[in-house]
Amino acid sequence: KYLIVVTFKDMFVGNGIDFYEYVAKETLDRIVSRYAGAA
């Protein structure tokens, strides 16, 4: 399974790992916790 989010202009946030590691780790951890810890 893959995800592509299409924006009108480039957001330059890397791929999902970049965004997780460098920008929004805690927020994404909270979201993933809804799925028994596995995205």
Full PDB file with SEQRES, HELIX, SHEET, SSBOND, CRYST1, ORIGX, SCALE, CONECT and MASTER records, all heavy atoms in Angstrom:
SEQRES   1 A   39  LYS TYR LEU ILE VAL VAL THR PHE LYS ASP MET PHE VAL          
SEQRES   2 A   39  GLY ASN GLY ILE ASP PHE TYR GLU TYR VAL ALA LYS GLU          
SEQRES   3 A   39  THR LEU ASP ARG ILE VAL SER ARG TYR ALA GLY ALA ALA          
HELIX    1 AA1 GLY A   16  TYR A   22  1                                   7    
HELIX    2 AA2 LYS A   25  VAL A   32  1                                   8    
HELIX    3 AA3 SER A   33  TYR A   35  5                                   3    
CRYST1    1.000    1.000    1.000  90.00  90.00  90.00 P 1           1          
ORIGX1      1.000000  0.000000  0.000000        0.00000                         
ORIGX2      0.000000  1.000000  0.000000        0.00000                         
ORIGX3      0.000000  0.000000  1.000000        0.00000                         
SCALE1      1.000000  0.000000  0.000000        0.00000                         
SCALE2      0.000000  1.000000  0.000000        0.00000                         
SCALE3      0.000000  0.000000  1.000000        0.00000                         
ATOM      1  N   LYS A   1       0.854  -1.195   0.000  1.00  0.00           N  
ATOM      2  CA  LYS A   1       0.000   0.000   0.000  1.00  0.00           C  
ATOM      3  C   LYS A   1       0.888   1.244   0.000  1.00  0.00           C  
ATOM      4  O   LYS A   1       1.914   1.299   0.674  1.00  0.00           O  
ATOM      5  CB  LYS A   1      -0.911   0.006   1.232  1.00  0.00           C  
ATOM      6  CG  LYS A   1      -1.895  -1.152   1.296  1.00  0.00           C  
ATOM      7  CD  LYS A   1      -2.740  -1.077   2.557  1.00  0.00           C  
ATOM      8  CE  LYS A   1      -3.791  -2.181   2.594  1.00  0.00           C  
ATOM      9  NZ  LYS A   1      -3.163  -3.524   2.674  1.00  0.00           N  
ATOM     10  N   TYR A   2       0.455   2.240  -0.775  1.00  0.00           N  
ATOM     11  CA  TYR A   2       1.190   3.498  -0.887  1.00  0.00           C  
ATOM     12  C   TYR A   2       0.208   4.656  -0.755  1.00  0.00           C  
ATOM     13  O   TYR A   2      -0.992   4.507  -1.008  1.00  0.00           O  
ATOM     14  CB  TYR A   2       1.896   3.615  -2.249  1.00  0.00           C  
ATOM     15  CG  TYR A   2       2.941   2.557  -2.503  1.00  0.00           C  
ATOM     16  CD1 TYR A   2       2.594   1.327  -3.060  1.00  0.00           C  
ATOM     17  CD2 TYR A   2       4.279   2.796  -2.208  1.00  0.00           C  
ATOM     18  CE1 TYR A   2       3.541   0.360  -3.315  1.00  0.00           C  
ATOM     19  CE2 TYR A   2       5.247   1.816  -2.471  1.00  0.00           C  
ATOM     20  CZ  TYR A   2       4.873   0.605  -3.010  1.00  0.00           C  
ATOM     21  OH  TYR A   2       5.822  -0.353  -3.253  1.00  0.00           O  
ATOM     22  N   LEU A   3       0.752   5.808  -0.380  1.00  0.00           N  
ATOM     23  CA  LEU A   3      -0.036   7.044  -0.323  1.00  0.00           C  
ATOM     24  C   LEU A   3       0.656   8.117  -1.143  1.00  0.00           C  
ATOM     25  O   LEU A   3       1.872   8.326  -1.004  1.00  0.00           O  
ATOM     26  CB  LEU A   3      -0.185   7.528   1.119  1.00  0.00           C  
ATOM     27  CG  LEU A   3      -0.699   8.977   1.307  1.00  0.00           C  
ATOM     28  CD1 LEU A   3      -2.118   9.133   0.763  1.00  0.00           C  
ATOM     29  CD2 LEU A   3      -0.626   9.395   2.763  1.00  0.00           C  
ATOM     30  N   ILE A   4      -0.123   8.801  -1.996  1.00  0.00           N  
ATOM     31  CA  ILE A   4       0.361   9.992  -2.695  1.00  0.00           C  
ATOM     32  C   ILE A   4      -0.593  11.142  -2.365  1.00  0.00           C  
ATOM     33  O   ILE A   4      -1.783  11.067  -2.693  1.00  0.00           O  
ATOM     34  CB  ILE A   4       0.419   9.784  -4.222  1.00  0.00           C  
ATOM     35  CG1 ILE A   4       1.427   8.680  -4.570  1.00  0.00           C  
ATOM     36  CG2 ILE A   4       0.805  11.080  -4.923  1.00  0.00           C  
ATOM     37  CD1 ILE A   4       1.485   8.353  -6.055  1.00  0.00           C  
ATOM     38  N   VAL A   5      -0.074  12.170  -1.705  1.00  0.00           N  
ATOM     39  CA  VAL A   5      -0.843  13.388  -1.453  1.00  0.00           C  
ATOM     40  C   VAL A   5      -0.411  14.412  -2.499  1.00  0.00           C  
ATOM     41  O   VAL A   5       0.777  14.760  -2.579  1.00  0.00           O  
ATOM     42  CB  VAL A   5      -0.590  13.941  -0.032  1.00  0.00           C  
ATOM     43  CG1 VAL A   5      -1.343  15.264   0.168  1.00  0.00           C  
ATOM     44  CG2 VAL A   5      -1.035  12.922   1.023  1.00  0.00           C  
ATOM     45  N   VAL A   6      -1.344  14.869  -3.303  1.00  0.00           N  
ATOM     46  CA  VAL A   6      -1.042  15.805  -4.385  1.00  0.00           C  
ATOM     47  C   VAL A   6      -1.402  17.221  -3.940  1.00  0.00           C  
ATOM     48  O   VAL A   6      -2.555  17.492  -3.590  1.00  0.00           O  
ATOM     49  CB  VAL A   6      -1.827  15.449  -5.665  1.00  0.00           C  
ATOM     50  CG1 VAL A   6      -1.363  16.328  -6.823  1.00  0.00           C  
ATOM     51  CG2 VAL A   6      -1.678  13.982  -6.014  1.00  0.00           C  
ATOM     52  N   THR A   7      -0.422  18.115  -3.939  1.00  0.00           N  
ATOM     53  CA  THR A   7      -0.656  19.517  -3.584  1.00  0.00           C  
ATOM     54  C   THR A   7      -0.479  20.392  -4.825  1.00  0.00           C  
ATOM     55  O   THR A   7       0.188  19.994  -5.785  1.00  0.00           O  
ATOM     56  CB  THR A   7       0.314  19.974  -2.483  1.00  0.00           C  
ATOM     57  OG1 THR A   7       1.663  19.739  -2.902  1.00  0.00           O  
ATOM     58  CG2 THR A   7       0.053  19.214  -1.190  1.00  0.00           C  
ATOM     59  N   PHE A   8      -1.072  21.584  -4.792  1.00  0.00           N  
ATOM     60  CA  PHE A   8      -0.973  22.450  -5.971  1.00  0.00           C  
ATOM     61  C   PHE A   8       0.462  22.923  -6.179  1.00  0.00           C  
ATOM     62  O   PHE A   8       0.965  22.955  -7.296  1.00  0.00           O  
ATOM     63  CB  PHE A   8      -1.910  23.651  -5.836  1.00  0.00           C  
ATOM     64  CG  PHE A   8      -2.005  24.474  -7.085  1.00  0.00           C  
ATOM     65  CD1 PHE A   8      -2.703  23.999  -8.182  1.00  0.00           C  
ATOM     66  CD2 PHE A   8      -1.388  25.710  -7.188  1.00  0.00           C  
ATOM     67  CE1 PHE A   8      -2.781  24.738  -9.364  1.00  0.00           C  
ATOM     68  CE2 PHE A   8      -1.460  26.459  -8.351  1.00  0.00           C  
ATOM     69  CZ  PHE A   8      -2.162  25.973  -9.444  1.00  0.00           C  
ATOM     70  N   LYS A   9       1.125  23.293  -5.086  1.00  0.00           N  
ATOM     71  CA  LYS A   9       2.526  23.697  -5.154  1.00  0.00           C  
ATOM     72  C   LYS A   9       3.335  22.778  -4.245  1.00  0.00           C  
ATOM     73  O   LYS A   9       2.809  22.185  -3.315  1.00  0.00           O  
ATOM     74  CB  LYS A   9       2.695  25.154  -4.731  1.00  0.00           C  
ATOM     75  CG  LYS A   9       1.972  26.142  -5.639  1.00  0.00           C  
ATOM     76  CD  LYS A   9       2.252  27.578  -5.239  1.00  0.00           C  
ATOM     77  CE  LYS A   9       1.481  28.577  -6.097  1.00  0.00           C  
ATOM     78  NZ  LYS A   9       1.750  29.987  -5.729  1.00  0.00           N  
ATOM     79  N   ASP A  10       4.640  22.686  -4.530  1.00  0.00           N  
ATOM     80  CA  ASP A  10       5.482  21.776  -3.763  1.00  0.00           C  
ATOM     81  C   ASP A  10       5.610  22.267  -2.331  1.00  0.00           C  
ATOM     82  O   ASP A  10       5.889  23.438  -2.073  1.00  0.00           O  
ATOM     83  CB  ASP A  10       6.874  21.675  -4.398  1.00  0.00           C  
ATOM     84  CG  ASP A  10       7.481  20.302  -4.207  1.00  0.00           C  
ATOM     85  OD1 ASP A  10       7.306  19.732  -3.107  1.00  0.00           O  
ATOM     86  OD2 ASP A  10       8.112  19.783  -5.142  1.00  0.00           O  
ATOM     87  N   MET A  11       5.433  21.350  -1.376  1.00  0.00           N  
ATOM     88  CA  MET A  11       5.548  21.672   0.044  1.00  0.00           C  
ATOM     89  C   MET A  11       6.959  21.393   0.573  1.00  0.00           C  
ATOM     90  O   MET A  11       7.302  21.816   1.668  1.00  0.00           O  
ATOM     91  CB  MET A  11       4.540  20.847   0.848  1.00  0.00           C  
ATOM     92  CG  MET A  11       3.110  20.930   0.351  1.00  0.00           C  
ATOM     93  SD  MET A  11       2.307  22.483   0.747  1.00  0.00           S  
ATOM     94  CE  MET A  11       1.610  22.099   2.347  1.00  0.00           C  
ATOM     95  N   PHE A  12       7.751  20.631  -0.189  1.00  0.00           N  
ATOM     96  CA  PHE A  12       9.116  20.273   0.202  1.00  0.00           C  
ATOM     97  C   PHE A  12       9.170  19.701   1.619  1.00  0.00           C  
ATOM     98  O   PHE A  12       9.904  20.201   2.486  1.00  0.00           O  
ATOM     99  CB  PHE A  12      10.058  21.481   0.077  1.00  0.00           C  
ATOM    100  CG  PHE A  12      10.265  21.946  -1.337  1.00  0.00           C  
ATOM    101  CD1 PHE A  12       9.975  23.254  -1.703  1.00  0.00           C  
ATOM    102  CD2 PHE A  12      10.743  21.083  -2.316  1.00  0.00           C  
ATOM    103  CE1 PHE A  12      10.158  23.685  -3.009  1.00  0.00           C  
ATOM    104  CE2 PHE A  12      10.934  21.500  -3.620  1.00  0.00           C  
ATOM    105  CZ  PHE A  12      10.638  22.810  -3.970  1.00  0.00           C  
ATOM    106  N   VAL A  13       8.387  18.665   1.855  1.00  0.00           N  
ATOM    107  CA  VAL A  13       8.432  17.997   3.160  1.00  0.00           C  
ATOM    108  C   VAL A  13       8.985  16.577   3.038  1.00  0.00           C  
ATOM    109  O   VAL A  13       8.853  15.769   3.960  1.00  0.00           O  
ATOM    110  CB  VAL A  13       7.039  17.970   3.831  1.00  0.00           C  
ATOM    111  CG1 VAL A  13       6.597  19.368   4.207  1.00  0.00           C  
ATOM    112  CG2 VAL A  13       5.997  17.304   2.935  1.00  0.00           C  
ATOM    113  N   GLY A  14       9.610  16.250   1.903  1.00  0.00           N  
ATOM    114  CA  GLY A  14      10.220  14.948   1.737  1.00  0.00           C  
ATOM    115  C   GLY A  14       9.190  13.847   1.568  1.00  0.00           C  
ATOM    116  O   GLY A  14       8.042  14.086   1.201  1.00  0.00           O  
ATOM    117  N   ASN A  15       9.613  12.622   1.867  1.00  0.00           N  
ATOM    118  CA  ASN A  15       8.669  11.515   1.837  1.00  0.00           C  
ATOM    119  C   ASN A  15       8.109  11.293   3.244  1.00  0.00           C  
ATOM    120  O   ASN A  15       8.357  12.080   4.159  1.00  0.00           O  
ATOM    121  CB  ASN A  15       9.324  10.246   1.281  1.00  0.00           C  
ATOM    122  CG  ASN A  15      10.493   9.777   2.141  1.00  0.00           C  
ATOM    123  OD1 ASN A  15      10.646  10.175   3.293  1.00  0.00           O  
ATOM    124  ND2 ASN A  15      11.323   8.910   1.582  1.00  0.00           N  
ATOM    125  N   GLY A  16       7.365  10.214   3.451  1.00  0.00           N  
ATOM    126  CA  GLY A  16       6.735  10.000   4.739  1.00  0.00           C  
ATOM    127  C   GLY A  16       7.716   9.825   5.873  1.00  0.00           C  
ATOM    128  O   GLY A  16       7.473  10.296   6.997  1.00  0.00           O  
ATOM    129  N   ILE A  17       8.843   9.161   5.608  1.00  0.00           N  
ATOM    130  CA  ILE A  17       9.845   8.988   6.657  1.00  0.00           C  
ATOM    131  C   ILE A  17      10.474  10.325   7.035  1.00  0.00           C  
ATOM    132  O   ILE A  17      10.675  10.623   8.221  1.00  0.00           O  
ATOM    133  CB  ILE A  17      10.926   7.981   6.204  1.00  0.00           C  
ATOM    134  CG1 ILE A  17      10.324   6.580   6.124  1.00  0.00           C  
ATOM    135  CG2 ILE A  17      12.118   8.001   7.153  1.00  0.00           C  
ATOM    136  CD1 ILE A  17      11.288   5.514   5.660  1.00  0.00           C  
ATOM    137  N   ASP A  18      10.797  11.161   6.034  1.00  0.00           N  
ATOM    138  CA  ASP A  18      11.338  12.492   6.319  1.00  0.00           C  
ATOM    139  C   ASP A  18      10.366  13.291   7.179  1.00  0.00           C  
ATOM    140  O   ASP A  18      10.756  13.911   8.175  1.00  0.00           O  
ATOM    141  CB  ASP A  18      11.604  13.257   5.016  1.00  0.00           C  
ATOM    142  CG  ASP A  18      12.661  12.610   4.149  1.00  0.00           C  
ATOM    143  OD1 ASP A  18      13.622  12.052   4.709  1.00  0.00           O  
ATOM    144  OD2 ASP A  18      12.524  12.650   2.920  1.00  0.00           O  
ATOM    145  N   PHE A  19       9.112  13.292   6.771  1.00  0.00           N  
ATOM    146  CA  PHE A  19       8.104  14.069   7.489  1.00  0.00           C  
ATOM    147  C   PHE A  19       7.944  13.542   8.916  1.00  0.00           C  
ATOM    148  O   PHE A  19       7.791  14.321   9.860  1.00  0.00           O  
ATOM    149  CB  PHE A  19       6.773  14.009   6.735  1.00  0.00           C  
ATOM    150  CG  PHE A  19       5.749  14.989   7.228  1.00  0.00           C  
ATOM    151  CD1 PHE A  19       5.937  16.352   7.084  1.00  0.00           C  
ATOM    152  CD2 PHE A  19       4.586  14.543   7.853  1.00  0.00           C  
ATOM    153  CE1 PHE A  19       4.993  17.258   7.544  1.00  0.00           C  
ATOM    154  CE2 PHE A  19       3.638  15.440   8.316  1.00  0.00           C  
ATOM    155  CZ  PHE A  19       3.845  16.797   8.159  1.00  0.00           C  
ATOM    156  N   TYR A  20       8.001  12.237   9.063  1.00  0.00           N  
ATOM    157  CA  TYR A  20       7.878  11.633  10.393  1.00  0.00           C  
ATOM    158  C   TYR A  20       9.103  11.963  11.254  1.00  0.00           C  
ATOM    159  O   TYR A  20       8.976  12.454  12.386  1.00  0.00           O  
ATOM    160  CB  TYR A  20       7.735  10.117  10.263  1.00  0.00           C  
ATOM    161  CG  TYR A  20       7.744   9.383  11.590  1.00  0.00           C  
ATOM    162  CD1 TYR A  20       6.602   9.320  12.380  1.00  0.00           C  
ATOM    163  CD2 TYR A  20       8.910   8.759  12.051  1.00  0.00           C  
ATOM    164  CE1 TYR A  20       6.614   8.652  13.597  1.00  0.00           C  
ATOM    165  CE2 TYR A  20       8.933   8.102  13.261  1.00  0.00           C  
ATOM    166  CZ  TYR A  20       7.786   8.048  14.038  1.00  0.00           C  
ATOM    167  OH  TYR A  20       7.807   7.401  15.247  1.00  0.00           O  
ATOM    168  N   GLU A  21      10.294  11.734  10.729  1.00  0.00           N  
ATOM    169  CA  GLU A  21      11.514  11.883  11.521  1.00  0.00           C  
ATOM    170  C   GLU A  21      11.840  13.339  11.846  1.00  0.00           C  
ATOM    171  O   GLU A  21      12.291  13.647  12.952  1.00  0.00           O  
ATOM    172  CB  GLU A  21      12.702  11.255  10.770  1.00  0.00           C  
ATOM    173  CG  GLU A  21      12.640   9.745  10.661  1.00  0.00           C  
ATOM    174  CD  GLU A  21      12.915   9.055  11.989  1.00  0.00           C  
ATOM    175  OE1 GLU A  21      13.380   9.717  12.937  1.00  0.00           O  
ATOM    176  OE2 GLU A  21      12.641   7.836  12.071  1.00  0.00           O  
ATOM    177  N   TYR A  22      11.606  14.238  10.885  1.00  0.00           N  
ATOM    178  CA  TYR A  22      12.128  15.594  11.024  1.00  0.00           C  
ATOM    179  C   TYR A  22      11.085  16.653  11.347  1.00  0.00           C  
ATOM    180  O   TYR A  22      11.427  17.774  11.717  1.00  0.00           O  
ATOM    181  CB  TYR A  22      12.865  15.994   9.740  1.00  0.00           C  
ATOM    182  CG  TYR A  22      13.949  15.037   9.341  1.00  0.00           C  
ATOM    183  CD1 TYR A  22      14.050  14.553   8.046  1.00  0.00           C  
ATOM    184  CD2 TYR A  22      14.891  14.604  10.270  1.00  0.00           C  
ATOM    185  CE1 TYR A  22      15.053  13.667   7.672  1.00  0.00           C  
ATOM    186  CE2 TYR A  22      15.900  13.716   9.916  1.00  0.00           C  
ATOM    187  CZ  TYR A  22      15.975  13.251   8.615  1.00  0.00           C  
ATOM    188  OH  TYR A  22      16.970  12.375   8.259  1.00  0.00           O  
ATOM    189  N   VAL A  23       9.805  16.315  11.190  1.00  0.00           N  
ATOM    190  CA  VAL A  23       8.776  17.348  11.346  1.00  0.00           C  
ATOM    191  C   VAL A  23       7.707  16.988  12.370  1.00  0.00           C  
ATOM    192  O   VAL A  23       7.440  17.766  13.285  1.00  0.00           O  
ATOM    193  CB  VAL A  23       8.101  17.661   9.983  1.00  0.00           C  
ATOM    194  CG1 VAL A  23       7.003  18.711  10.161  1.00  0.00           C  
ATOM    195  CG2 VAL A  23       9.132  18.159   8.979  1.00  0.00           C  
ATOM    196  N   ALA A  24       7.079  15.830  12.251  1.00  0.00           N  
ATOM    197  CA  ALA A  24       5.834  15.596  12.999  1.00  0.00           C  
ATOM    198  C   ALA A  24       5.796  14.232  13.679  1.00  0.00           C  
ATOM    199  O   ALA A  24       4.761  13.564  13.695  1.00  0.00           O  
ATOM    200  CB  ALA A  24       4.642  15.750  12.057  1.00  0.00           C  
ATOM    201  N   LYS A  25       6.903  13.817  14.273  1.00  0.00           N  
ATOM    202  CA  LYS A  25       6.986  12.479  14.862  1.00  0.00           C  
ATOM    203  C   LYS A  25       5.914  12.244  15.922  1.00  0.00           C  
ATOM    204  O   LYS A  25       5.184  11.246  15.887  1.00  0.00           O  
ATOM    205  CB  LYS A  25       8.370  12.265  15.463  1.00  0.00           C  
ATOM    206  CG  LYS A  25       8.645  10.839  15.949  1.00  0.00           C  
ATOM    207  CD  LYS A  25      10.082  10.712  16.448  1.00  0.00           C  
ATOM    208  CE  LYS A  25      10.443   9.264  16.717  1.00  0.00           C  
ATOM    209  NZ  LYS A  25       9.626   8.671  17.787  1.00  0.00           N  
ATOM    210  N   GLU A  26       5.788  13.126  16.898  1.00  0.00           N  
ATOM    211  CA  GLU A  26       4.849  12.916  17.993  1.00  0.00           C  
ATOM    212  C   GLU A  26       3.409  12.894  17.495  1.00  0.00           C  
ATOM    213  O   GLU A  26       2.602  12.057  17.922  1.00  0.00           O  
ATOM    214  CB  GLU A  26       5.027  14.003  19.057  1.00  0.00           C  
ATOM    215  CG  GLU A  26       6.355  13.904  19.811  1.00  0.00           C  
ATOM    216  CD  GLU A  26       6.473  14.960  20.886  1.00  0.00           C  
ATOM    217  OE1 GLU A  26       5.494  15.746  21.069  1.00  0.00           O  
ATOM    218  OE2 GLU A  26       7.520  15.024  21.548  1.00  0.00           O  
ATOM    219  N   THR A  27       3.079  13.813  16.595  1.00  0.00           N  
ATOM    220  CA  THR A  27       1.714  13.857  16.054  1.00  0.00           C  
ATOM    221  C   THR A  27       1.384  12.583  15.299  1.00  0.00           C  
ATOM    222  O   THR A  27       0.301  11.999  15.471  1.00  0.00           O  
ATOM    223  CB  THR A  27       1.552  15.075  15.125  1.00  0.00           C  
ATOM    224  OG1 THR A  27       1.770  16.268  15.874  1.00  0.00           O  
ATOM    225  CG2 THR A  27       0.156  15.116  14.519  1.00  0.00           C  
ATOM    226  N   LEU A  28       2.303  12.113  14.476  1.00  0.00           N  
ATOM    227  CA  LEU A  28       2.050  10.913  13.695  1.00  0.00           C  
ATOM    228  C   LEU A  28       2.034   9.665  14.579  1.00  0.00           C  
ATOM    229  O   LEU A  28       1.290   8.716  14.312  1.00  0.00           O  
ATOM    230  CB  LEU A  28       3.080  10.778  12.582  1.00  0.00           C  
ATOM    231  CG  LEU A  28       3.016  11.877  11.505  1.00  0.00           C  
ATOM    232  CD1 LEU A  28       4.107  11.676  10.465  1.00  0.00           C  
ATOM    233  CD2 LEU A  28       1.648  11.923  10.835  1.00  0.00           C  
ATOM    234  N   ASP A  29       2.831   9.666  15.634  1.00  0.00           N  
ATOM    235  CA  ASP A  29       2.775   8.543  16.579  1.00  0.00           C  
ATOM    236  C   ASP A  29       1.389   8.446  17.215  1.00  0.00           C  
ATOM    237  O   ASP A  29       0.853   7.338  17.402  1.00  0.00           O  
ATOM    238  CB  ASP A  29       3.834   8.712  17.668  1.00  0.00           C  
ATOM    239  CG  ASP A  29       5.213   8.246  17.228  1.00  0.00           C  
ATOM    240  OD1 ASP A  29       5.300   7.484  16.236  1.00  0.00           O  
ATOM    241  OD2 ASP A  29       6.214   8.644  17.867  1.00  0.00           O  
ATOM    242  N   ARG A  30       0.799   9.590  17.547  1.00  0.00           N  
ATOM    243  CA  ARG A  30      -0.541   9.580  18.136  1.00  0.00           C  
ATOM    244  C   ARG A  30      -1.565   9.050  17.136  1.00  0.00           C  
ATOM    245  O   ARG A  30      -2.486   8.303  17.498  1.00  0.00           O  
ATOM    246  CB  ARG A  30      -0.934  10.991  18.594  1.00  0.00           C  
ATOM    247  CG  ARG A  30      -0.236  11.445  19.867  1.00  0.00           C  
ATOM    248  CD  ARG A  30      -0.939  12.644  20.481  1.00  0.00           C  
ATOM    249  NE  ARG A  30      -0.918  13.805  19.606  1.00  0.00           N  
ATOM    250  CZ  ARG A  30       0.059  14.710  19.595  1.00  0.00           C  
ATOM    251  NH1 ARG A  30       1.097  14.577  20.431  1.00  0.00           N  
ATOM    252  NH2 ARG A  30       0.018  15.742  18.779  1.00  0.00           N  
ATOM    253  N   ILE A  31      -1.414   9.426  15.881  1.00  0.00           N  
ATOM    254  CA  ILE A  31      -2.347   8.949  14.854  1.00  0.00           C  
ATOM    255  C   ILE A  31      -2.198   7.439  14.670  1.00  0.00           C  
ATOM    256  O   ILE A  31      -3.187   6.696  14.627  1.00  0.00           O  
ATOM    257  CB  ILE A  31      -2.101   9.697  13.524  1.00  0.00           C  
ATOM    258  CG1 ILE A  31      -2.467  11.174  13.675  1.00  0.00           C  
ATOM    259  CG2 ILE A  31      -2.913   9.055  12.398  1.00  0.00           C  
ATOM    260  CD1 ILE A  31      -2.084  12.032  12.481  1.00  0.00           C  
ATOM    261  N   VAL A  32      -0.975   6.963  14.590  1.00  0.00           N  
ATOM    262  CA  VAL A  32      -0.728   5.533  14.357  1.00  0.00           C  
ATOM    263  C   VAL A  32      -1.178   4.702  15.556  1.00  0.00           C  
ATOM    264  O   VAL A  32      -1.565   3.535  15.398  1.00  0.00           O  
ATOM    265  CB  VAL A  32       0.765   5.295  14.038  1.00  0.00           C  
ATOM    266  CG1 VAL A  32       1.091   3.805  14.028  1.00  0.00           C  
ATOM    267  CG2 VAL A  32       1.122   5.919  12.691  1.00  0.00           C  
ATOM    268  N   SER A  33      -1.155   5.288  16.751  1.00  0.00           N  
ATOM    269  CA  SER A  33      -1.555   4.536  17.943  1.00  0.00           C  
ATOM    270  C   SER A  33      -3.001   4.045  17.856  1.00  0.00           C  
ATOM    271  O   SER A  33      -3.385   3.114  18.565  1.00  0.00           O  
ATOM    272  CB  SER A  33      -1.376   5.398  19.197  1.00  0.00           C  
ATOM    273  OG  SER A  33      -2.304   6.483  19.210  1.00  0.00           O  
ATOM    274  N   ARG A  34      -3.803   4.640  16.994  1.00  0.00           N  
ATOM    275  CA  ARG A  34      -5.185   4.183  16.813  1.00  0.00           C  
ATOM    276  C   ARG A  34      -5.242   2.818  16.123  1.00  0.00           C  
ATOM    277  O   ARG A  34      -6.280   2.163  16.129  1.00  0.00           O  
ATOM    278  CB  ARG A  34      -5.970   5.190  15.964  1.00  0.00           C  
ATOM    279  CG  ARG A  34      -5.952   6.613  16.501  1.00  0.00           C  
ATOM    280  CD  ARG A  34      -6.523   7.574  15.463  1.00  0.00           C  
ATOM    281  NE  ARG A  34      -6.266   8.965  15.801  1.00  0.00           N  
ATOM    282  CZ  ARG A  34      -6.427   9.985  14.959  1.00  0.00           C  
ATOM    283  NH1 ARG A  34      -6.862   9.748  13.715  1.00  0.00           N  
ATOM    284  NH2 ARG A  34      -6.165  11.225  15.332  1.00  0.00           N  
ATOM    285  N   TYR A  35      -4.117   2.418  15.521  1.00  0.00           N  
ATOM    286  CA  TYR A  35      -4.104   1.182  14.743  1.00  0.00           C  
ATOM    287  C   TYR A  35      -3.178   0.147  15.387  1.00  0.00           C  
ATOM    288  O   TYR A  35      -2.382  -0.507  14.712  1.00  0.00           O  
ATOM    289  CB  TYR A  35      -3.655   1.479  13.304  1.00  0.00           C  
ATOM    290  CG  TYR A  35      -4.471   2.577  12.676  1.00  0.00           C  
ATOM    291  CD1 TYR A  35      -3.983   3.881  12.605  1.00  0.00           C  
ATOM    292  CD2 TYR A  35      -5.749   2.329  12.196  1.00  0.00           C  
ATOM    293  CE1 TYR A  35      -4.745   4.905  12.053  1.00  0.00           C  
ATOM    294  CE2 TYR A  35      -6.521   3.353  11.636  1.00  0.00           C  
ATOM    295  CZ  TYR A  35      -6.005   4.629  11.579  1.00  0.00           C  
ATOM    296  OH  TYR A  35      -6.764   5.646  11.044  1.00  0.00           O  
ATOM    297  N   ALA A  36      -3.283   0.029  16.693  1.00  0.00           N  
ATOM    298  CA  ALA A  36      -2.484  -0.946  17.459  1.00  0.00           C  
ATOM    299  C   ALA A  36      -0.986  -0.756  17.211  1.00  0.00           C  
ATOM    300  O   ALA A  36      -0.213  -1.715  17.218  1.00  0.00           O  
ATOM    301  CB  ALA A  36      -2.910  -2.375  17.112  1.00  0.00           C  
ATOM    302  N   GLY A  37      -0.602   0.494  16.959  1.00  0.00           N  
ATOM    303  CA  GLY A  37       0.817   0.818  16.826  1.00  0.00           C  
ATOM    304  C   GLY A  37       1.431   0.515  15.486  1.00  0.00           C  
ATOM    305  O   GLY A  37       2.623   0.760  15.283  1.00  0.00           O  
ATOM    306  N   ALA A  38       0.680  -0.019  14.546  1.00  0.00           N  
ATOM    307  CA  ALA A  38       1.226  -0.342  13.223  1.00  0.00           C  
ATOM    308  C   ALA A  38       0.458   0.427  12.151  1.00  0.00           C  
ATOM    309  O   ALA A  38      -0.752   0.242  11.988  1.00  0.00           O  
ATOM    310  CB  ALA A  38       1.129  -1.841  12.959  1.00  0.00           C  
ATOM    311  N   ALA A  39       1.155   1.288  11.426  1.00  0.00           N  
ATOM    312  CA  ALA A  39       0.497   2.090  10.398  1.00  0.00           C  
ATOM    313  C   ALA A  39       0.028   1.197   9.257  1.00  0.00           C  
ATOM    314  O   ALA A  39       0.814   0.396   8.736  1.00  0.00           O  
ATOM    315  CB  ALA A  39       1.454   3.148   9.860  1.00  0.00           C  
TER     316      ALA A  39                                                      
MASTER        0    0    0    3    0    0    0    6  315    1    0    3          
END                                                                             
